[in-house]
C-alpha atoms as a PDB file:
ATOM      1  CA  MET A   1       7.821  34.875  28.988  1.00  0.00           C
ATOM      2  CA  ASN A   2       6.392  38.014  27.465  1.00  0.00           C
ATOM      3  CA  ILE A   3       3.159  39.061  29.261  1.00  0.00           C
ATOM      4  CA  LEU A   4       1.313  39.583  25.959  1.00  0.00           C
ATOM      5  CA  LEU A   5       2.313  36.096  24.808  1.00  0.00           C
ATOM      6  CA  TYR A   6       1.152  34.696  28.150  1.00  0.00           C
ATOM      7  CA  PHE A   7      -2.353  36.197  27.808  1.00  0.00           C
ATOM      8  CA  TYR A   8      -2.555  35.214  24.143  1.00  0.00           C
ATOM      9  CA  THR A   9      -1.881  31.562  25.013  1.00  0.00           C
ATOM     10  CA  LYS A  10      -4.505  31.657  27.791  1.00  0.00           C
ATOM     11  CA  ILE A  11      -7.148  33.177  25.531  1.00  0.00           C
ATOM     12  CA  CYS A  12      -6.431  30.769  22.645  1.00  0.00           C
ATOM     13  CA  LYS A  13      -6.161  27.826  25.077  1.00  0.00           C
ATOM     14  CA  PHE A  14      -2.946  26.346  23.782  1.00  0.00           C
ATOM     15  CA  SER A  15       0.517  26.095  25.202  1.00  0.00           C
ATOM     16  CA  ILE A  16       3.811  27.099  23.737  1.00  0.00           C
ATOM     17  CA  PRO A  17       5.751  24.068  22.474  1.00  0.00           C
ATOM     18  CA  ALA A  18       8.778  23.011  24.491  1.00  0.00           C
ATOM     19  CA  LYS A  19      10.864  23.690  21.389  1.00  0.00           C
ATOM     20  CA  ALA A  20      10.199  27.068  19.861  1.00  0.00           C
ATOM     21  CA  ASN A  21      10.287  25.608  16.347  1.00  0.00           C
ATOM     22  CA  GLN A  22       7.854  22.709  17.022  1.00  0.00           C
ATOM     23  CA  PRO A  23       4.523  23.601  15.349  1.00  0.00           C
ATOM     24  CA  VAL A  24       1.102  23.226  16.947  1.00  0.00           C
ATOM     25  CA  ASN A  25      -2.330  23.123  15.333  1.00  0.00           C
ATOM     26  CA  LEU A  26      -5.252  25.375  16.270  1.00  0.00           C
ATOM     27  CA  SER A  27      -6.343  23.068  19.093  1.00  0.00           C
ATOM     28  CA  GLY A  28      -2.902  23.340  20.669  1.00  0.00           C
ATOM     29  CA  ARG A  29      -1.745  19.803  19.825  1.00  0.00           C
ATOM     30  CA  PHE A  30       1.708  19.230  18.465  1.00  0.00           C
ATOM     31  CA  ILE A  31       1.853  18.504  14.758  1.00  0.00           C
ATOM     32  CA  ILE A  32       3.460  15.077  14.335  1.00  0.00           C
ATOM     33  CA  ASN A  33       5.159  14.168  11.084  1.00  0.00           C
ATOM     34  CA  LYS A  34       4.423  10.936   9.264  1.00  0.00           C
ATOM     35  CA  GLN A  35       7.584   9.107  10.358  1.00  0.00           C
ATOM     36  CA  ILE A  36       6.984   9.815  14.039  1.00  0.00           C
ATOM     37  CA  ARG A  37       3.301   8.850  13.767  1.00  0.00           C
ATOM     38  CA  GLN A  38       4.156   5.594  12.000  1.00  0.00           C
ATOM     39  CA  ARG A  39       6.838   4.789  14.581  1.00  0.00           C
ATOM     40  CA  HIS A  40       4.228   5.168  17.338  1.00  0.00           C
ATOM     41  CA  ILE A  41       1.797   2.954  15.394  1.00  0.00           C
ATOM     42  CA  ARG A  42       4.451   0.216  15.060  1.00  0.00           C
ATOM     43  CA  GLU A  43       5.261   0.432  18.768  1.00  0.00           C
ATOM     44  CA  LEU A  44       1.582   0.151  19.716  1.00  0.00           C
ATOM     45  CA  ILE A  45       1.020  -2.830  17.404  1.00  0.00           C
ATOM     46  CA  LEU A  46       4.070  -4.604  18.819  1.00  0.00           C
ATOM     47  CA  SER A  47       3.258  -3.874  22.452  1.00  0.00           C
ATOM     48  CA  LYS A  48      -0.550  -4.190  22.657  1.00  0.00           C
ATOM     49  CA  ALA A  49      -3.289  -6.392  21.239  1.00  0.00           C
ATOM     50  CA  ILE A  50      -5.011  -3.836  18.998  1.00  0.00           C
ATOM     51  CA  SER A  51      -8.052  -5.254  17.225  1.00  0.00           C
ATOM     52  CA  SER A  52      -9.550  -2.295  15.320  1.00  0.00           C
ATOM     53  CA  GLN A  53      -8.631   1.001  13.708  1.00  0.00           C
ATOM     54  CA  GLU A  54     -10.890   2.746  16.198  1.00  0.00           C
ATOM     55  CA  GLU A  55      -8.969   1.210  19.104  1.00  0.00           C
ATOM     56  CA  LEU A  56      -5.648   2.183  17.503  1.00  0.00           C
ATOM     57  CA  SER A  57      -6.921   5.714  16.915  1.00  0.00           C
ATOM     58  CA  GLN A  58      -7.906   5.995  20.614  1.00  0.00           C
ATOM     59  CA  GLU A  59      -4.457   4.782  21.719  1.00  0.00           C
ATOM     60  CA  LEU A  60      -2.804   7.370  19.454  1.00  0.00           C
ATOM     61  CA  LYS A  61      -5.130  10.064  20.796  1.00  0.00           C
ATOM     62  CA  ARG A  62      -4.032   9.198  24.363  1.00  0.00           C
ATOM     63  CA  MET A  63      -0.482   9.872  23.160  1.00  0.00           C
ATOM     64  CA  GLY A  64      -1.582  13.275  21.811  1.00  0.00           C
ATOM     65  CA  ILE A  65      -1.667  12.142  18.171  1.00  0.00           C
ATOM     66  CA  GLU A  66      -4.942  12.763  16.369  1.00  0.00           C
ATOM     67  CA  VAL A  67      -5.324  10.977  13.055  1.00  0.00           C
ATOM     68  CA  THR A  68      -8.154  10.545  10.557  1.00  0.00           C
ATOM     69  CA  GLN A  69      -9.384   7.088   9.583  1.00  0.00           C
ATOM     70  CA  ALA A  70      -8.119   7.583   6.013  1.00  0.00           C
ATOM     71  CA  THR A  71      -4.619   8.499   7.219  1.00  0.00           C
ATOM     72  CA  LEU A  72      -4.608   5.575   9.635  1.00  0.00           C
ATOM     73  CA  SER A  73      -5.612   3.196   6.821  1.00  0.00           C
ATOM     74  CA  ARG A  74      -2.766   4.502   4.633  1.00  0.00           C
ATOM     75  CA  ASP A  75      -0.298   4.163   7.508  1.00  0.00           C
ATOM     76  CA  LEU A  76      -1.356   0.562   8.184  1.00  0.00           C
ATOM     77  CA  HIS A  77      -0.991  -0.240   4.484  1.00  0.00           C
ATOM     78  CA  GLU A  78       2.453   1.388   4.219  1.00  0.00           C
ATOM     79  CA  LEU A  79       3.648  -0.351   7.390  1.00  0.00           C
ATOM     80  CA  ARG A  80       2.305  -3.692   6.087  1.00  0.00           C
ATOM     81  CA  ILE A  81       0.173  -4.162   9.172  1.00  0.00           C
ATOM     82  CA  VAL A  82      -2.595  -6.709   8.696  1.00  0.00           C
ATOM     83  CA  ARG A  83      -5.473  -7.941  10.831  1.00  0.00           C
ATOM     84  CA  MET A  84      -5.126 -11.584  11.851  1.00  0.00           C
ATOM     85  CA  PRO A  85      -7.581 -13.876  13.635  1.00  0.00           C
ATOM     86  CA  GLU A  86      -6.732 -14.934  17.161  1.00  0.00           C
ATOM     87  CA  GLU A  87      -8.373 -17.194  19.676  1.00  0.00           C
ATOM     88  CA  HIS A  88     -10.604 -14.379  20.963  1.00  0.00           C
ATOM     89  CA  GLY A  89     -11.136 -12.221  17.873  1.00  0.00           C
ATOM     90  CA  PHE A  90      -8.720 -10.277  15.693  1.00  0.00           C
ATOM     91  CA  ARG A  91      -5.424  -8.481  16.221  1.00  0.00           C
ATOM     92  CA  TYR A  92      -3.236  -6.245  14.062  1.00  0.00           C
ATOM     93  CA  VAL A  93       0.226  -7.645  13.365  1.00  0.00           C
ATOM     94  CA  ILE A  94       3.176  -6.485  11.293  1.00  0.00           C
ATOM     95  CA  HIS A  95       3.328  -8.658   8.190  1.00  0.00           C
ATOM     96  CA  GLU A  96       7.050  -9.471   8.543  1.00  0.00           C
ATOM     97  CA  ASN A  97       6.436 -10.763  12.084  1.00  0.00           C
ATOM     98  CA  SER A  98       3.567 -13.050  11.121  1.00  0.00           C
ATOM     99  CA  ASN A  99       3.311 -16.472   9.549  1.00  0.00           C
ATOM    100  CA  GLY A 100       2.889 -16.097   5.756  1.00  0.00           C
ATOM    101  CA  GLN A 101       0.860 -19.304   5.471  1.00  0.00           C
ATOM    102  CA  GLN A 102      -1.538 -18.090   8.155  1.00  0.00           C
ATOM    103  CA  ILE A 103      -2.045 -14.784   6.302  1.00  0.00           C
ATOM    104  CA  ARG A 104      -2.581 -16.651   3.048  1.00  0.00           C
ATOM    105  CA  LYS A 105      -5.227 -18.831   4.703  1.00  0.00           C
ATOM    106  CA  VAL A 106      -7.064 -15.740   5.952  1.00  0.00           C
ATOM    107  CA  VAL A 107      -6.811 -14.096   2.518  1.00  0.00           C
ATOM    108  CA  GLN A 108      -8.272 -17.221   0.912  1.00  0.00           C
ATOM    109  CA  GLN A 109     -11.277 -16.998   3.219  1.00  0.00           C
ATOM    110  CA  GLU A 110     -11.769 -13.308   2.429  1.00  0.00           C
ATOM    111  CA  ILE A 111     -11.806 -13.641  -1.385  1.00  0.00           C
ATOM    112  CA  LEU A 112     -15.304 -14.249  -2.738  1.00  0.00           C
ATOM    113  CA  GLN A 113     -14.824 -13.881  -6.490  1.00  0.00           C
ATOM    114  CA  ILE A 114     -12.204 -13.026  -9.109  1.00  0.00           C
ATOM    115  CA  LEU A 115     -13.429 -11.286 -12.275  1.00  0.00           C
ATOM    116  CA  HIS A 116     -11.465  -9.827 -15.185  1.00  0.00           C
ATOM    117  CA  ASN A 117     -11.444  -8.398 -18.665  1.00  0.00           C
ATOM    118  CA  GLU A 118      -8.426  -7.931 -20.913  1.00  0.00           C
ATOM    119  CA  HIS A 119      -7.234  -4.841 -18.978  1.00  0.00           C
ATOM    120  CA  CYS A 120      -7.870  -5.352 -15.283  1.00  0.00           C
ATOM    121  CA  ILE A 121      -8.784  -7.823 -12.558  1.00  0.00           C
ATOM    122  CA  ILE A 122     -11.434  -7.299  -9.889  1.00  0.00           C
ATOM    123  CA  ILE A 123     -11.350  -9.284  -6.655  1.00  0.00           C
ATOM    124  CA  LYS A 124     -14.565  -9.233  -4.607  1.00  0.00           C
ATOM    125  CA  THR A 125     -13.938  -9.741  -0.877  1.00  0.00           C
ATOM    126  CA  LEU A 126     -15.842  -9.860   2.365  1.00  0.00           C
ATOM    127  CA  PRO A 127     -16.936  -6.364   3.480  1.00  0.00           C
ATOM    128  CA  GLY A 128     -14.027  -4.307   4.815  1.00  0.00           C
ATOM    129  CA  ARG A 129     -11.342  -6.797   3.726  1.00  0.00           C
ATOM    130  CA  ALA A 130     -10.250  -5.563   0.289  1.00  0.00           C
ATOM    131  CA  ALA A 131      -7.382  -3.509   1.778  1.00  0.00           C
ATOM    132  CA  GLY A 132      -6.028  -6.525   3.673  1.00  0.00           C
ATOM    133  CA  VAL A 133      -6.091  -8.667   0.536  1.00  0.00           C
ATOM    134  CA  GLY A 134      -4.388  -5.820  -1.336  1.00  0.00           C
ATOM    135  CA  VAL A 135      -1.606  -5.592   1.253  1.00  0.00           C
ATOM    136  CA  TYR A 136      -1.055  -9.331   0.938  1.00  0.00           C
ATOM    137  CA  LEU A 137      -0.903  -9.205  -2.884  1.00  0.00           C
ATOM    138  CA  ASP A 138       1.434  -6.202  -2.788  1.00  0.00           C
ATOM    139  CA  SER A 139       3.720  -8.073  -0.383  1.00  0.00           C
ATOM    140  CA  LEU A 140       4.078 -10.914  -2.900  1.00  0.00           C
ATOM    141  CA  LYS A 141       5.877  -8.493  -5.233  1.00  0.00           C
ATOM    142  CA  HIS A 142       4.655 -10.457  -8.258  1.00  0.00           C
ATOM    143  CA  PRO A 143       6.328  -9.043 -11.393  1.00  0.00           C
ATOM    144  CA  ASN A 144       3.039  -9.035 -13.330  1.00  0.00           C
ATOM    145  CA  ILE A 145       1.156  -6.959 -10.724  1.00  0.00           C
ATOM    146  CA  LEU A 146       1.646  -3.277 -11.439  1.00  0.00           C
ATOM    147  CA  GLY A 147      -0.429  -2.272  -8.420  1.00  0.00           C
ATOM    148  CA  THR A 148      -3.636  -2.652  -6.439  1.00  0.00           C
ATOM    149  CA  VAL A 149      -6.372  -0.224  -5.394  1.00  0.00           C
ATOM    150  CA  ALA A 150      -8.719  -1.242  -2.592  1.00  0.00           C
ATOM    151  CA  GLY A 151     -12.200  -0.124  -1.708  1.00  0.00           C
ATOM    152  CA  ASN A 152     -14.364  -1.644   1.004  1.00  0.00           C
ATOM    153  CA  ASP A 153     -15.109  -5.013  -0.596  1.00  0.00           C
ATOM    154  CA  THR A 154     -13.556  -4.660  -4.042  1.00  0.00           C
ATOM    155  CA  LEU A 155      -9.898  -4.805  -5.023  1.00  0.00           C
ATOM    156  CA  LEU A 156      -8.695  -3.600  -8.415  1.00  0.00           C
ATOM    157  CA  VAL A 157      -5.551  -5.411  -9.563  1.00  0.00           C
ATOM    158  CA  ILE A 158      -3.702  -3.735 -12.426  1.00  0.00           C
ATOM    159  CA  PRO A 159      -1.591  -6.131 -14.515  1.00  0.00           C
ATOM    160  CA  ALA A 160       1.819  -4.909 -15.681  1.00  0.00           C
ATOM    161  CA  SER A 161       0.695  -5.602 -19.249  1.00  0.00           C
ATOM    162  CA  VAL A 162      -2.520  -6.726 -20.953  1.00  0.00           C
ATOM    163  CA  HIS A 163      -0.459  -9.651 -22.224  1.00  0.00           C
ATOM    164  CA  HIS A 164      -0.152 -10.921 -18.633  1.00  0.00           C
ATOM    165  CA  THR A 165      -3.791 -10.527 -17.546  1.00  0.00           C
ATOM    166  CA  GLU A 166      -4.880 -14.116 -18.199  1.00  0.00           C
ATOM    167  CA  SER A 167      -1.803 -15.691 -16.568  1.00  0.00           C
ATOM    168  CA  LEU A 168      -2.181 -13.344 -13.583  1.00  0.00           C
ATOM    169  CA  VAL A 169      -5.853 -14.352 -13.187  1.00  0.00           C
ATOM    170  CA  GLN A 170      -4.811 -18.022 -13.217  1.00  0.00           C
ATOM    171  CA  TYR A 171      -2.113 -17.282 -10.623  1.00  0.00           C
ATOM    172  CA  LEU A 172      -4.612 -15.477  -8.369  1.00  0.00           C
ATOM    173  CA  ARG A 173      -7.191 -18.260  -8.687  1.00  0.00           C
ATOM    174  CA  LYS A 174      -4.524 -20.834  -7.882  1.00  0.00           C
ATOM    175  CA  LEU A 175      -3.457 -18.727  -4.890  1.00  0.00           C
ATOM    176  CA  ASP A 176      -7.085 -18.558  -3.767  1.00  0.00           C
ATOM    177  CA  HIS A 177      -7.700 -22.320  -4.019  1.00  0.00           C
ATOM    178  CA  GLU A 178      -4.390 -23.970  -3.085  1.00  0.00           C
ATOM    179  CA  SER A 179      -4.276 -25.838   0.175  1.00  0.00           C
ATOM    180  CA  VAL A 180      -2.225 -24.152   2.894  1.00  0.00           C
ATOM    181  CA  GLU A 181      -2.516 -26.889   5.520  1.00  0.00           C
END
């Protein structure tokens, strides 16, 4: 290794990547692309009982992957990972690997109110649960739902057409009140 490069790495406190073309950030950590990060998230969710985003973030950090809360939330949404109740609290699970009726039951408990006008539908949820309800609605792939946007406790549901708003509200209310026993 070039002596100048050696001293430069010691002064800047980062190491040269094993592969010369693998980028590092200013703190010397390898830059991980989205696909690799999401693969690690899936592996962690499948192999460990992760109950919070903070816990998942710490596990990723131990693997050398630093991620912001916003990025982690987007990754969980894209991977269809939802938080499910367990005997001793909550746990993240991959939606395809979980019981749909159980998720629906949880979603029903999280919805507080459904409001609408002729253009959009607002679903009020328990604090911090709008994203989970949004993931569930997106997974239904209902033809009259154009998309959802989640905040902390409010979910905006955009109908595919204003002509479908009323029928979509009825569908959502039915979904919220139907028995899942």
